[in-house]
Amino acid sequence: MTRNIVISGGGTGIGRAAAQTFAAGGDRVLLLGRRAEVLEKAGVPGALSYAADLAEPDQVRGVARFVATELGAVDVLVHSAGGAGYREPPAAGDDPLDRVAHDWTLNFRQNVLTAALLTEALKSRLAEPGGRVLFISSIAAYRGSGTGAYAAAKAGLHPYAHELARELGPHGITVNVVAPGYIEDTEFFGDSMDEARRERLIADTSTRRAGTPGDVAETLHWLASPAAGHITSQVIQVNGGAERGH
């Protein structure tokens, strides 16, 4: 049976890989993101797209209206939108506190507010039973991110997912989090990744390789399948053993 899949951040990286994986399985996919031209070039067969800044309530309302018209019910909601601000304009001025306020606000908006607004806007449209909500967190939620802002934002998704799992579980809807480690072939790092840092991140894994968007996409696809119907309120790590346990 064809399912309706909504993927934020669906034009690049993990979101794009997830969209391709779901589409290959015969599902109908809606790609969300801020850049219409990127969504249109994502190369996902048969996908719909809608450009919106998901940190803006009015634009999320527009997404909800589009979903109601074009899809109706939502079987799987994947939150892949986010980032650490590498591609965003820096704070204006040199005041240290202004930079802290800018970075923490930016990371909260990109990683938490986008997910919360979209979830709450589409929550009533999740399929009952069988609906799935899937968040993309990060290994940084466990070990920090250097500045703290990105790590704290990603960690903030975990309790939200647990609360949703308790709320939606009686309706047959599961909620889970996937926390990747270092993933290559994404826009996440912008131009900030050098070879020495890349080698350190790979050496930190047990598999001695970088992760790929496909690694995360296949995990999301499985969590959205009937086989994972009794798995909810979990954080699944996809990092090659760079972070263990939890």
C-alpha atoms as a PDB file:
ATOM      1  CA  MET A   1       0.000   0.000   0.000  1.00  0.00           C
ATOM      2  CA  THR A   2       1.303   3.441  -0.929  1.00  0.00           C
ATOM      3  CA  ARG A   3       2.074   5.610   2.097  1.00  0.00           C
ATOM      4  CA  ASN A   4       2.362   9.387   2.381  1.00  0.00           C
ATOM      5  CA  ILE A   5       5.813  10.464   3.586  1.00  0.00           C
ATOM      6  CA  VAL A   6       6.655  14.035   4.627  1.00  0.00           C
ATOM      7  CA  ILE A   7      10.369  14.834   4.916  1.00  0.00           C
ATOM      8  CA  SER A   8      11.760  18.156   6.095  1.00  0.00           C
ATOM      9  CA  GLY A   9      15.193  19.057   4.790  1.00  0.00           C
ATOM     10  CA  GLY A  10      14.369  16.743   1.918  1.00  0.00           C
ATOM     11  CA  GLY A  11      16.434  18.422  -0.765  1.00  0.00           C
ATOM     12  CA  THR A  12      19.916  17.409   0.352  1.00  0.00           C
ATOM     13  CA  GLY A  13      21.936  14.966   2.437  1.00  0.00           C
ATOM     14  CA  ILE A  14      20.135  12.617   4.779  1.00  0.00           C
ATOM     15  CA  GLY A  15      16.693  13.980   3.937  1.00  0.00           C
ATOM     16  CA  ARG A  16      17.234  13.471   0.229  1.00  0.00           C
ATOM     17  CA  ALA A  17      18.574   9.958   0.737  1.00  0.00           C
ATOM     18  CA  ALA A  18      15.558   9.117   2.898  1.00  0.00           C
ATOM     19  CA  ALA A  19      13.207  10.502   0.262  1.00  0.00           C
ATOM     20  CA  GLN A  20      14.842   8.387  -2.435  1.00  0.00           C
ATOM     21  CA  THR A  21      14.632   5.278  -0.252  1.00  0.00           C
ATOM     22  CA  PHE A  22      10.939   5.733   0.520  1.00  0.00           C
ATOM     23  CA  ALA A  23      10.122   6.595  -3.099  1.00  0.00           C
ATOM     24  CA  ALA A  24      11.963   3.489  -4.303  1.00  0.00           C
ATOM     25  CA  GLY A  25       9.668   1.460  -2.068  1.00  0.00           C
ATOM     26  CA  GLY A  26       6.598   2.873  -3.774  1.00  0.00           C
ATOM     27  CA  ASP A  27       5.703   5.569  -1.249  1.00  0.00           C
ATOM     28  CA  ARG A  28       4.519   9.079  -2.119  1.00  0.00           C
ATOM     29  CA  VAL A  29       6.944  11.691  -0.813  1.00  0.00           C
ATOM     30  CA  LEU A  30       6.583  15.382   0.010  1.00  0.00           C
ATOM     31  CA  LEU A  31       9.892  17.272   0.280  1.00  0.00           C
ATOM     32  CA  LEU A  32      10.058  20.343   2.510  1.00  0.00           C
ATOM     33  CA  GLY A  33      12.880  22.872   2.693  1.00  0.00           C
ATOM     34  CA  ARG A  34      13.685  26.554   2.482  1.00  0.00           C
ATOM     35  CA  ARG A  35      15.109  26.516  -1.067  1.00  0.00           C
ATOM     36  CA  ALA A  36      12.599  25.710  -3.802  1.00  0.00           C
ATOM     37  CA  GLU A  37      15.306  25.254  -6.429  1.00  0.00           C
ATOM     38  CA  VAL A  38      17.093  22.644  -4.302  1.00  0.00           C
ATOM     39  CA  LEU A  39      13.886  20.692  -3.737  1.00  0.00           C
ATOM     40  CA  GLU A  40      13.134  20.711  -7.454  1.00  0.00           C
ATOM     41  CA  LYS A  41      16.586  19.301  -8.253  1.00  0.00           C
ATOM     42  CA  ALA A  42      16.532  16.593  -5.578  1.00  0.00           C
ATOM     43  CA  GLY A  43      15.847  13.885  -8.135  1.00  0.00           C
ATOM     44  CA  VAL A  44      13.217  11.984  -6.163  1.00  0.00           C
ATOM     45  CA  PRO A  45      10.833  10.288  -8.612  1.00  0.00           C
ATOM     46  CA  GLY A  46       7.241  11.482  -8.299  1.00  0.00           C
ATOM     47  CA  ALA A  47       7.942  13.643  -5.247  1.00  0.00           C
ATOM     48  CA  LEU A  48       5.938  16.726  -4.367  1.00  0.00           C
ATOM     49  CA  SER A  49       7.760  19.721  -2.926  1.00  0.00           C
ATOM     50  CA  TYR A  50       6.884  22.777  -0.874  1.00  0.00           C
ATOM     51  CA  ALA A  51       9.333  25.522   0.057  1.00  0.00           C
ATOM     52  CA  ALA A  52       8.991  26.978   3.547  1.00  0.00           C
ATOM     53  CA  ASP A  53      10.999  28.154   6.535  1.00  0.00           C
ATOM     54  CA  LEU A  54       9.774  25.697   9.163  1.00  0.00           C
ATOM     55  CA  ALA A  55      10.837  27.961  12.012  1.00  0.00           C
ATOM     56  CA  GLU A  56       8.115  30.433  10.980  1.00  0.00           C
ATOM     57  CA  PRO A  57       4.596  29.553  12.213  1.00  0.00           C
ATOM     58  CA  ASP A  58       2.810  31.207   9.279  1.00  0.00           C
ATOM     59  CA  GLN A  59       4.861  29.238   6.775  1.00  0.00           C
ATOM     60  CA  VAL A  60       4.237  26.003   8.665  1.00  0.00           C
ATOM     61  CA  ARG A  61       0.509  26.756   8.472  1.00  0.00           C
ATOM     62  CA  GLY A  62       0.988  26.906   4.719  1.00  0.00           C
ATOM     63  CA  VAL A  63       2.622  23.475   4.796  1.00  0.00           C
ATOM     64  CA  ALA A  64      -0.304  22.107   6.802  1.00  0.00           C
ATOM     65  CA  ARG A  65      -2.801  23.447   4.261  1.00  0.00           C
ATOM     66  CA  PHE A  66      -0.798  21.945   1.402  1.00  0.00           C
ATOM     67  CA  VAL A  67      -0.642  18.574   3.142  1.00  0.00           C
ATOM     68  CA  ALA A  68      -4.401  18.638   3.789  1.00  0.00           C
ATOM     69  CA  THR A  69      -5.078  19.324   0.111  1.00  0.00           C
ATOM     70  CA  GLU A  70      -2.493  17.098  -1.548  1.00  0.00           C
ATOM     71  CA  LEU A  71      -2.034  14.191   0.859  1.00  0.00           C
ATOM     72  CA  GLY A  72      -4.716  14.093   3.534  1.00  0.00           C
ATOM     73  CA  ALA A  73      -3.205  11.657   5.998  1.00  0.00           C
ATOM     74  CA  VAL A  74       0.514  11.475   6.858  1.00  0.00           C
ATOM     75  CA  ASP A  75       1.913   7.992   7.385  1.00  0.00           C
ATOM     76  CA  VAL A  76       5.517   8.965   8.117  1.00  0.00           C
ATOM     77  CA  LEU A  77       6.916  12.319   9.217  1.00  0.00           C
ATOM     78  CA  VAL A  78      10.721  12.612   9.017  1.00  0.00           C
ATOM     79  CA  HIS A  79      12.477  15.626  10.511  1.00  0.00           C
ATOM     80  CA  SER A  80      15.763  16.047   8.667  1.00  0.00           C
ATOM     81  CA  ALA A  81      15.858  19.846   8.595  1.00  0.00           C
ATOM     82  CA  GLY A  82      18.534  21.324  10.814  1.00  0.00           C
ATOM     83  CA  GLY A  83      22.187  22.230  10.998  1.00  0.00           C
ATOM     84  CA  ALA A  84      24.833  23.895  13.120  1.00  0.00           C
ATOM     85  CA  GLY A  85      24.742  27.253  11.371  1.00  0.00           C
ATOM     86  CA  TYR A  86      27.887  26.713   9.281  1.00  0.00           C
ATOM     87  CA  ARG A  87      26.076  27.998   6.190  1.00  0.00           C
ATOM     88  CA  GLU A  88      24.296  30.901   7.905  1.00  0.00           C
ATOM     89  CA  PRO A  89      25.484  34.527   8.202  1.00  0.00           C
ATOM     90  CA  PRO A  90      27.514  35.122  11.384  1.00  0.00           C
ATOM     91  CA  ALA A  91      26.421  37.381  14.198  1.00  0.00           C
ATOM     92  CA  ALA A  92      26.723  41.088  13.511  1.00  0.00           C
ATOM     93  CA  GLY A  93      29.468  42.732  15.536  1.00  0.00           C
ATOM     94  CA  ASP A  94      32.176  41.336  17.788  1.00  0.00           C
ATOM     95  CA  ASP A  95      30.483  41.340  21.177  1.00  0.00           C
ATOM     96  CA  PRO A  96      30.924  37.835  22.691  1.00  0.00           C
ATOM     97  CA  LEU A  97      27.463  37.745  24.243  1.00  0.00           C
ATOM     98  CA  ASP A  98      25.858  38.806  20.973  1.00  0.00           C
ATOM     99  CA  ARG A  99      27.618  35.893  19.280  1.00  0.00           C
ATOM    100  CA  VAL A 100      26.419  33.467  21.956  1.00  0.00           C
ATOM    101  CA  ALA A 101      22.834  34.700  21.658  1.00  0.00           C
ATOM    102  CA  HIS A 102      23.003  34.452  17.862  1.00  0.00           C
ATOM    103  CA  ASP A 103      24.461  30.928  17.812  1.00  0.00           C
ATOM    104  CA  TRP A 104      22.143  29.469  20.439  1.00  0.00           C
ATOM    105  CA  THR A 105      19.036  31.064  18.948  1.00  0.00           C
ATOM    106  CA  LEU A 106      20.000  29.950  15.442  1.00  0.00           C
ATOM    107  CA  ASN A 107      20.613  26.354  16.525  1.00  0.00           C
ATOM    108  CA  PHE A 108      17.366  26.199  18.489  1.00  0.00           C
ATOM    109  CA  ARG A 109      15.374  27.538  15.526  1.00  0.00           C
ATOM    110  CA  GLN A 110      17.014  25.229  12.982  1.00  0.00           C
ATOM    111  CA  ASN A 111      16.899  22.008  14.976  1.00  0.00           C
ATOM    112  CA  VAL A 112      14.144  22.199  17.588  1.00  0.00           C
ATOM    113  CA  LEU A 113      11.602  24.798  16.554  1.00  0.00           C
ATOM    114  CA  THR A 114      11.385  23.490  12.996  1.00  0.00           C
ATOM    115  CA  ALA A 115      10.652  19.984  14.280  1.00  0.00           C
ATOM    116  CA  ALA A 116       8.196  21.055  16.973  1.00  0.00           C
ATOM    117  CA  LEU A 117       6.165  23.387  14.760  1.00  0.00           C
ATOM    118  CA  LEU A 118       5.881  20.891  11.919  1.00  0.00           C
ATOM    119  CA  THR A 119       4.969  18.036  14.246  1.00  0.00           C
ATOM    120  CA  GLU A 120       2.279  19.999  16.033  1.00  0.00           C
ATOM    121  CA  ALA A 121       0.874  21.264  12.721  1.00  0.00           C
ATOM    122  CA  LEU A 122       0.581  17.750  11.264  1.00  0.00           C
ATOM    123  CA  LYS A 123      -0.032  15.699  14.407  1.00  0.00           C
ATOM    124  CA  SER A 124      -3.767  15.402  13.798  1.00  0.00           C
ATOM    125  CA  ARG A 125      -3.089  14.017  10.301  1.00  0.00           C
ATOM    126  CA  LEU A 126      -0.853  11.143  11.384  1.00  0.00           C
ATOM    127  CA  ALA A 127      -2.254   7.774  10.386  1.00  0.00           C
ATOM    128  CA  GLU A 128      -3.998   5.903  13.211  1.00  0.00           C
ATOM    129  CA  PRO A 129      -2.767   3.245  13.677  1.00  0.00           C
ATOM    130  CA  GLY A 130       0.595   2.937  11.970  1.00  0.00           C
ATOM    131  CA  GLY A 131       1.814   6.528  11.916  1.00  0.00           C
ATOM    132  CA  ARG A 132       5.505   7.222  12.414  1.00  0.00           C
ATOM    133  CA  VAL A 133       7.377  10.311  13.607  1.00  0.00           C
ATOM    134  CA  LEU A 134      11.153  10.217  13.139  1.00  0.00           C
ATOM    135  CA  PHE A 135      13.620  12.854  14.336  1.00  0.00           C
ATOM    136  CA  ILE A 136      17.249  13.286  13.276  1.00  0.00           C
ATOM    137  CA  SER A 137      19.442  14.040  16.285  1.00  0.00           C
ATOM    138  CA  SER A 138      23.234  13.743  16.429  1.00  0.00           C
ATOM    139  CA  ILE A 139      26.127  12.072  18.206  1.00  0.00           C
ATOM    140  CA  ALA A 140      26.750  15.611  19.514  1.00  0.00           C
ATOM    141  CA  ALA A 141      23.742  15.238  21.802  1.00  0.00           C
ATOM    142  CA  TYR A 142      25.862  12.772  23.799  1.00  0.00           C
ATOM    143  CA  ARG A 143      29.356  14.208  23.541  1.00  0.00           C
ATOM    144  CA  GLY A 144      28.983  17.924  22.793  1.00  0.00           C
ATOM    145  CA  SER A 145      29.716  19.936  19.689  1.00  0.00           C
ATOM    146  CA  GLY A 146      32.483  22.347  20.613  1.00  0.00           C
ATOM    147  CA  THR A 147      30.296  25.378  21.276  1.00  0.00           C
ATOM    148  CA  GLY A 148      27.425  23.564  22.996  1.00  0.00           C
ATOM    149  CA  ALA A 149      24.655  25.240  21.013  1.00  0.00           C
ATOM    150  CA  TYR A 150      24.179  22.544  18.351  1.00  0.00           C
ATOM    151  CA  ALA A 151      24.568  19.696  20.827  1.00  0.00           C
ATOM    152  CA  ALA A 152      22.046  21.211  23.224  1.00  0.00           C
ATOM    153  CA  ALA A 153      19.568  21.770  20.416  1.00  0.00           C
ATOM    154  CA  LYS A 154      19.804  18.183  19.199  1.00  0.00           C
ATOM    155  CA  ALA A 155      19.600  16.843  22.741  1.00  0.00           C
ATOM    156  CA  GLY A 156      16.429  18.867  23.160  1.00  0.00           C
ATOM    157  CA  LEU A 157      14.708  16.663  20.580  1.00  0.00           C
ATOM    158  CA  HIS A 158      15.044  13.592  22.798  1.00  0.00           C
ATOM    159  CA  PRO A 159      12.627  14.541  25.622  1.00  0.00           C
ATOM    160  CA  TYR A 160      10.204  15.962  23.060  1.00  0.00           C
ATOM    161  CA  ALA A 161      10.219  12.614  21.255  1.00  0.00           C
ATOM    162  CA  HIS A 162       9.647  10.740  24.509  1.00  0.00           C
ATOM    163  CA  GLU A 163       6.686  12.974  25.388  1.00  0.00           C
ATOM    164  CA  LEU A 164       5.195  12.477  21.924  1.00  0.00           C
ATOM    165  CA  ALA A 165       5.677   8.721  22.140  1.00  0.00           C
ATOM    166  CA  ARG A 166       3.620   8.607  25.339  1.00  0.00           C
ATOM    167  CA  GLU A 167       0.961  10.874  23.886  1.00  0.00           C
ATOM    168  CA  LEU A 168       0.629   9.156  20.515  1.00  0.00           C
ATOM    169  CA  GLY A 169       1.306   5.552  21.495  1.00  0.00           C
ATOM    170  CA  PRO A 170      -2.322   4.795  22.408  1.00  0.00           C
ATOM    171  CA  HIS A 171      -3.247   5.820  18.846  1.00  0.00           C
ATOM    172  CA  GLY A 172      -0.877   3.278  17.334  1.00  0.00           C
ATOM    173  CA  ILE A 173       1.733   5.894  16.397  1.00  0.00           C
ATOM    174  CA  THR A 174       5.426   5.428  17.181  1.00  0.00           C
ATOM    175  CA  VAL A 175       8.021   8.154  17.727  1.00  0.00           C
ATOM    176  CA  ASN A 176      11.760   7.562  17.498  1.00  0.00           C
ATOM    177  CA  VAL A 177      15.035   9.423  17.114  1.00  0.00           C
ATOM    178  CA  VAL A 178      18.002   8.546  14.912  1.00  0.00           C
ATOM    179  CA  ALA A 179      21.336  10.011  16.052  1.00  0.00           C
ATOM    180  CA  PRO A 180      23.998   9.853  13.323  1.00  0.00           C
ATOM    181  CA  GLY A 181      27.715  10.283  13.790  1.00  0.00           C
ATOM    182  CA  TYR A 182      29.957  11.700  11.078  1.00  0.00           C
ATOM    183  CA  ILE A 183      28.095  11.511   7.751  1.00  0.00           C
ATOM    184  CA  GLU A 184      29.812  12.456   4.496  1.00  0.00           C
ATOM    185  CA  ASP A 185      28.227  13.864   1.330  1.00  0.00           C
ATOM    186  CA  THR A 186      25.978  16.371   3.081  1.00  0.00           C
ATOM    187  CA  GLU A 187      25.962  20.174   3.332  1.00  0.00           C
ATOM    188  CA  PHE A 188      26.243  20.038   7.119  1.00  0.00           C
ATOM    189  CA  PHE A 189      29.855  21.168   7.504  1.00  0.00           C
ATOM    190  CA  GLY A 190      29.846  23.664   4.650  1.00  0.00           C
ATOM    191  CA  ASP A 191      33.500  24.454   3.930  1.00  0.00           C
ATOM    192  CA  SER A 192      34.678  23.845   7.491  1.00  0.00           C
ATOM    193  CA  MET A 193      35.825  20.218   7.172  1.00  0.00           C
ATOM    194  CA  ASP A 194      39.554  19.627   6.637  1.00  0.00           C
ATOM    195  CA  GLU A 195      41.252  16.291   5.999  1.00  0.00           C
ATOM    196  CA  ALA A 196      42.830  16.056   9.453  1.00  0.00           C
ATOM    197  CA  ARG A 197      39.461  16.462  11.160  1.00  0.00           C
ATOM    198  CA  ARG A 198      37.876  13.962   8.771  1.00  0.00           C
ATOM    199  CA  GLU A 199      40.549  11.388   9.596  1.00  0.00           C
ATOM    200  CA  ARG A 200      40.038  11.913  13.342  1.00  0.00           C
ATOM    201  CA  LEU A 201      36.280  11.373  13.030  1.00  0.00           C
ATOM    202  CA  ILE A 202      36.718   8.194  10.998  1.00  0.00           C
ATOM    203  CA  ALA A 203      39.382   6.873  13.375  1.00  0.00           C
ATOM    204  CA  ASP A 204      36.886   7.303  16.211  1.00  0.00           C
ATOM    205  CA  THR A 205      34.601   4.659  14.692  1.00  0.00           C
ATOM    206  CA  SER A 206      34.875   0.898  15.069  1.00  0.00           C
ATOM    207  CA  THR A 207      34.065   0.387  11.375  1.00  0.00           C
ATOM    208  CA  ARG A 208      36.855   2.730  10.244  1.00  0.00           C
ATOM    209  CA  ARG A 209      34.706   4.501   7.691  1.00  0.00           C
ATOM    210  CA  ALA A 210      32.551   7.584   7.442  1.00  0.00           C
ATOM    211  CA  GLY A 211      28.810   7.170   7.500  1.00  0.00           C
ATOM    212  CA  THR A 212      26.732   7.870   4.422  1.00  0.00           C
ATOM    213  CA  PRO A 213      23.276   9.410   4.025  1.00  0.00           C
ATOM    214  CA  GLY A 214      22.135   5.975   2.891  1.00  0.00           C
ATOM    215  CA  ASP A 215      23.117   4.441   6.233  1.00  0.00           C
ATOM    216  CA  VAL A 216      20.727   6.788   8.010  1.00  0.00           C
ATOM    217  CA  ALA A 217      18.039   6.533   5.334  1.00  0.00           C
ATOM    218  CA  GLU A 218      17.866   2.742   5.643  1.00  0.00           C
ATOM    219  CA  THR A 219      17.520   3.018   9.423  1.00  0.00           C
ATOM    220  CA  LEU A 220      14.668   5.513   9.026  1.00  0.00           C
ATOM    221  CA  HIS A 221      13.010   3.254   6.449  1.00  0.00           C
ATOM    222  CA  TRP A 222      13.151   0.303   8.818  1.00  0.00           C
ATOM    223  CA  LEU A 223      11.783   2.311  11.764  1.00  0.00           C
ATOM    224  CA  ALA A 224       8.886   3.319   9.525  1.00  0.00           C
ATOM    225  CA  SER A 225       8.127  -0.288   8.602  1.00  0.00           C
ATOM    226  CA  PRO A 226       5.617  -2.652  10.238  1.00  0.00           C
ATOM    227  CA  ALA A 227       8.608  -4.674  11.485  1.00  0.00           C
ATOM    228  CA  ALA A 228       9.431  -1.842  13.902  1.00  0.00           C
ATOM    229  CA  GLY A 229       5.875  -1.389  15.112  1.00  0.00           C
ATOM    230  CA  HIS A 230       6.718  -2.093  18.765  1.00  0.00           C
ATOM    231  CA  ILE A 231       9.750   0.190  18.873  1.00  0.00           C
ATOM    232  CA  THR A 232       9.010   3.656  20.198  1.00  0.00           C
ATOM    233  CA  SER A 233      10.592   6.352  22.398  1.00  0.00           C
ATOM    234  CA  GLN A 234      14.077   5.142  21.414  1.00  0.00           C
ATOM    235  CA  VAL A 235      17.253   6.873  20.232  1.00  0.00           C
ATOM    236  CA  ILE A 236      18.956   4.748  17.585  1.00  0.00           C
ATOM    237  CA  GLN A 237      22.619   5.596  17.019  1.00  0.00           C
ATOM    238  CA  VAL A 238      24.086   5.300  13.529  1.00  0.00           C
ATOM    239  CA  ASN A 239      27.734   6.147  14.043  1.00  0.00           C
ATOM    240  CA  GLY A 240      29.884   3.092  13.381  1.00  0.00           C
ATOM    241  CA  GLY A 241      30.544   2.658  17.100  1.00  0.00           C
ATOM    242  CA  ALA A 242      31.967   6.144  17.659  1.00  0.00           C
ATOM    243  CA  GLU A 243      29.612   6.497  20.608  1.00  0.00           C
ATOM    244  CA  ARG A 244      28.621   3.370  22.503  1.00  0.00           C
ATOM    245  CA  GLY A 245      25.737   2.326  24.688  1.00  0.00           C
ATOM    246  CA  HIS A 246      22.999   4.623  25.934  1.00  0.00           C
END
